[in-house]
Amino acid sequence: MDMQDYTRKFDVVDKKLGTREILSSVYDSLKLKGYNPINQIVGYILSEDPTYITNYNNARSLICRIDRDELLQELLINYLEKDENEKK
């Protein structure tokens, strides 16, 4: 098997966006379009229905890159860490 028989993988995006950057971008896009970003993102998380997220600025495609369970886990961890830090 020579080199030409291998599947080549090319990344379309130069750098993979982190969850925080994706969520911030989606939030900003929803806000710019006049939606309540918190309500829309919660609706998406609960239902996994991407139509809660606008297509504006590619927001729907971005949020679909994040695994919903990982998103919930990260949100909970960050919330609890912030709460813990405020108690100190």
C-alpha atoms as a PDB file:
ATOM      1  CA  MET A   1       0.000   0.000   0.000  1.00  0.00           C
ATOM      2  CA  ASP A   2       1.603   3.240  -1.059  1.00  0.00           C
ATOM      3  CA  MET A   3       0.949   6.778   0.139  1.00  0.00           C
ATOM      4  CA  GLN A   4      -1.786   7.419  -2.432  1.00  0.00           C
ATOM      5  CA  ASP A   5      -3.993   4.698  -0.946  1.00  0.00           C
ATOM      6  CA  TYR A   6      -4.372   6.470   2.393  1.00  0.00           C
ATOM      7  CA  THR A   7      -7.350   8.662   3.197  1.00  0.00           C
ATOM      8  CA  ARG A   8      -6.324  12.226   3.725  1.00  0.00           C
ATOM      9  CA  LYS A   9      -8.080  14.420   6.209  1.00  0.00           C
ATOM     10  CA  PHE A  10      -8.165  18.185   5.827  1.00  0.00           C
ATOM     11  CA  ASP A  11      -9.502  20.529   8.468  1.00  0.00           C
ATOM     12  CA  VAL A  12     -11.865  23.117   7.014  1.00  0.00           C
ATOM     13  CA  VAL A  13     -11.475  25.390  10.015  1.00  0.00           C
ATOM     14  CA  ASP A  14      -7.926  26.550  10.779  1.00  0.00           C
ATOM     15  CA  LYS A  15      -8.310  26.152  14.524  1.00  0.00           C
ATOM     16  CA  LYS A  16     -10.996  24.284  16.389  1.00  0.00           C
ATOM     17  CA  LEU A  17     -13.065  26.731  18.381  1.00  0.00           C
ATOM     18  CA  GLY A  18     -13.460  25.974  22.050  1.00  0.00           C
ATOM     19  CA  THR A  19     -16.813  25.578  23.710  1.00  0.00           C
ATOM     20  CA  ARG A  20     -16.598  28.998  25.346  1.00  0.00           C
ATOM     21  CA  GLU A  21     -15.848  30.751  22.057  1.00  0.00           C
ATOM     22  CA  ILE A  22     -18.636  28.907  20.246  1.00  0.00           C
ATOM     23  CA  LEU A  23     -21.167  29.644  22.975  1.00  0.00           C
ATOM     24  CA  SER A  24     -20.139  33.318  23.073  1.00  0.00           C
ATOM     25  CA  SER A  25     -20.429  33.606  19.303  1.00  0.00           C
ATOM     26  CA  VAL A  26     -23.859  31.941  19.294  1.00  0.00           C
ATOM     27  CA  TYR A  27     -24.997  34.189  22.161  1.00  0.00           C
ATOM     28  CA  ASP A  28     -23.853  37.311  20.285  1.00  0.00           C
ATOM     29  CA  SER A  29     -25.544  36.207  17.054  1.00  0.00           C
ATOM     30  CA  LEU A  30     -28.839  35.549  18.828  1.00  0.00           C
ATOM     31  CA  LYS A  31     -28.668  38.909  20.578  1.00  0.00           C
ATOM     32  CA  LEU A  32     -27.899  40.743  17.322  1.00  0.00           C
ATOM     33  CA  LYS A  33     -30.945  39.158  15.693  1.00  0.00           C
ATOM     34  CA  GLY A  34     -33.186  40.323  18.557  1.00  0.00           C
ATOM     35  CA  TYR A  35     -33.685  37.006  20.313  1.00  0.00           C
ATOM     36  CA  ASN A  36     -33.330  36.333  24.041  1.00  0.00           C
ATOM     37  CA  PRO A  37     -30.084  34.332  23.859  1.00  0.00           C
ATOM     38  CA  ILE A  38     -30.522  32.573  27.198  1.00  0.00           C
ATOM     39  CA  ASN A  39     -34.023  31.335  26.351  1.00  0.00           C
ATOM     40  CA  GLN A  40     -32.955  30.197  22.883  1.00  0.00           C
ATOM     41  CA  ILE A  41     -29.846  28.353  24.098  1.00  0.00           C
ATOM     42  CA  VAL A  42     -31.800  26.682  26.918  1.00  0.00           C
ATOM     43  CA  GLY A  43     -34.437  25.637  24.382  1.00  0.00           C
ATOM     44  CA  TYR A  44     -31.725  24.129  22.217  1.00  0.00           C
ATOM     45  CA  ILE A  45     -30.088  22.306  25.134  1.00  0.00           C
ATOM     46  CA  LEU A  46     -33.371  20.846  26.377  1.00  0.00           C
ATOM     47  CA  SER A  47     -34.700  19.788  22.984  1.00  0.00           C
ATOM     48  CA  GLU A  48     -31.548  19.470  20.860  1.00  0.00           C
ATOM     49  CA  ASP A  49     -33.602  21.186  18.164  1.00  0.00           C
ATOM     50  CA  PRO A  50     -31.163  23.376  16.210  1.00  0.00           C
ATOM     51  CA  THR A  51     -33.945  25.660  14.994  1.00  0.00           C
ATOM     52  CA  TYR A  52     -33.750  27.432  18.355  1.00  0.00           C
ATOM     53  CA  ILE A  53     -30.470  28.868  17.078  1.00  0.00           C
ATOM     54  CA  THR A  54     -30.304  31.399  14.245  1.00  0.00           C
ATOM     55  CA  ASN A  55     -28.350  30.703  11.069  1.00  0.00           C
ATOM     56  CA  TYR A  56     -26.963  34.233  11.305  1.00  0.00           C
ATOM     57  CA  ASN A  57     -23.143  34.249  11.457  1.00  0.00           C
ATOM     58  CA  ASN A  58     -23.178  30.449  11.104  1.00  0.00           C
ATOM     59  CA  ALA A  59     -24.368  30.162  14.735  1.00  0.00           C
ATOM     60  CA  ARG A  60     -26.498  27.048  14.189  1.00  0.00           C
ATOM     61  CA  SER A  61     -23.664  25.162  12.580  1.00  0.00           C
ATOM     62  CA  LEU A  62     -21.287  26.253  15.351  1.00  0.00           C
ATOM     63  CA  ILE A  63     -23.496  25.092  18.218  1.00  0.00           C
ATOM     64  CA  CYS A  64     -24.011  21.734  16.531  1.00  0.00           C
ATOM     65  CA  ARG A  65     -20.249  21.152  16.865  1.00  0.00           C
ATOM     66  CA  ILE A  66     -20.648  20.934  20.643  1.00  0.00           C
ATOM     67  CA  ASP A  67     -21.895  17.703  22.163  1.00  0.00           C
ATOM     68  CA  ARG A  68     -24.950  18.634  24.205  1.00  0.00           C
ATOM     69  CA  ASP A  69     -23.958  16.469  27.180  1.00  0.00           C
ATOM     70  CA  GLU A  70     -20.476  17.995  27.233  1.00  0.00           C
ATOM     71  CA  LEU A  71     -22.005  21.464  27.045  1.00  0.00           C
ATOM     72  CA  LEU A  72     -24.264  20.790  30.030  1.00  0.00           C
ATOM     73  CA  GLN A  73     -21.366  19.307  31.958  1.00  0.00           C
ATOM     74  CA  GLU A  74     -19.128  22.298  31.254  1.00  0.00           C
ATOM     75  CA  LEU A  75     -21.862  24.797  32.149  1.00  0.00           C
ATOM     76  CA  LEU A  76     -22.520  23.038  35.446  1.00  0.00           C
ATOM     77  CA  ILE A  77     -18.835  22.802  36.315  1.00  0.00           C
ATOM     78  CA  ASN A  78     -18.282  26.490  35.556  1.00  0.00           C
ATOM     79  CA  TYR A  79     -21.377  27.500  37.502  1.00  0.00           C
ATOM     80  CA  LEU A  80     -20.387  25.488  40.550  1.00  0.00           C
ATOM     81  CA  GLU A  81     -16.763  26.665  40.429  1.00  0.00           C
ATOM     82  CA  LYS A  82     -17.905  30.286  40.248  1.00  0.00           C
ATOM     83  CA  ASP A  83     -20.302  29.700  43.146  1.00  0.00           C
ATOM     84  CA  GLU A  84     -17.527  28.048  45.163  1.00  0.00           C
ATOM     85  CA  ASN A  85     -15.120  30.934  44.493  1.00  0.00           C
ATOM     86  CA  GLU A  86     -17.723  33.506  45.589  1.00  0.00           C
ATOM     87  CA  LYS A  87     -18.154  31.705  48.934  1.00  0.00           C
ATOM     88  CA  LYS A  88     -14.449  32.108  49.769  1.00  0.00           C
END
